[in-house]
């Protein structure tokens, strides 16, 4: 099984000096429970290779992985978000590690006077096939999963249709404005 780890990576040598490499902990825990797993991540090449190579490399890994694990305990960046979208294009299982009360998951958030008890960033929610609070929970999911119920790229078209169906007045307003 090929597992790709996605998440924040330091940008430059200065940032790397104080970087606590979360990937090592994840890899150790995964290999303890799934010894035949092969772990990859985008930190295997340098940005000095240029943007085309970096994007090509990272998306090649997404395309050839079986499972994508996203470390979303802290704020994720543009690259991670894009890789998650492309994982749906390649119909890859995405498991996001997203504990409660972190940047992308908040408890009791009030929107327009109504409380959302467990708010999860909408794009992370839609791009994830499973949301876990810990890597251990994610590993259990991988071991017990048959790979069914993996969202593909059509999930985005489905959510557009959901919007159009559930909020037709908003759609009409946009159309009235020339959209």
Foldseek 3Di string as FASTA:
>chain_A
DEEEEAFDDDDDPVRNVPDDDPVVVLVVVLCVLVVVYHYYYLVPDHCVVDDVVSLVVHLVSLLPGQEYEYEPQAPGDPSRLVSLLVNQQSLHAYEYQYAEPYDQWYAQDADPRDTDGIGGNVSVVLSHQYYHNDSVVVSVCVVPDPSPSRHHNCSVVVVVVVCCVPPVVVVVVVVVVPD
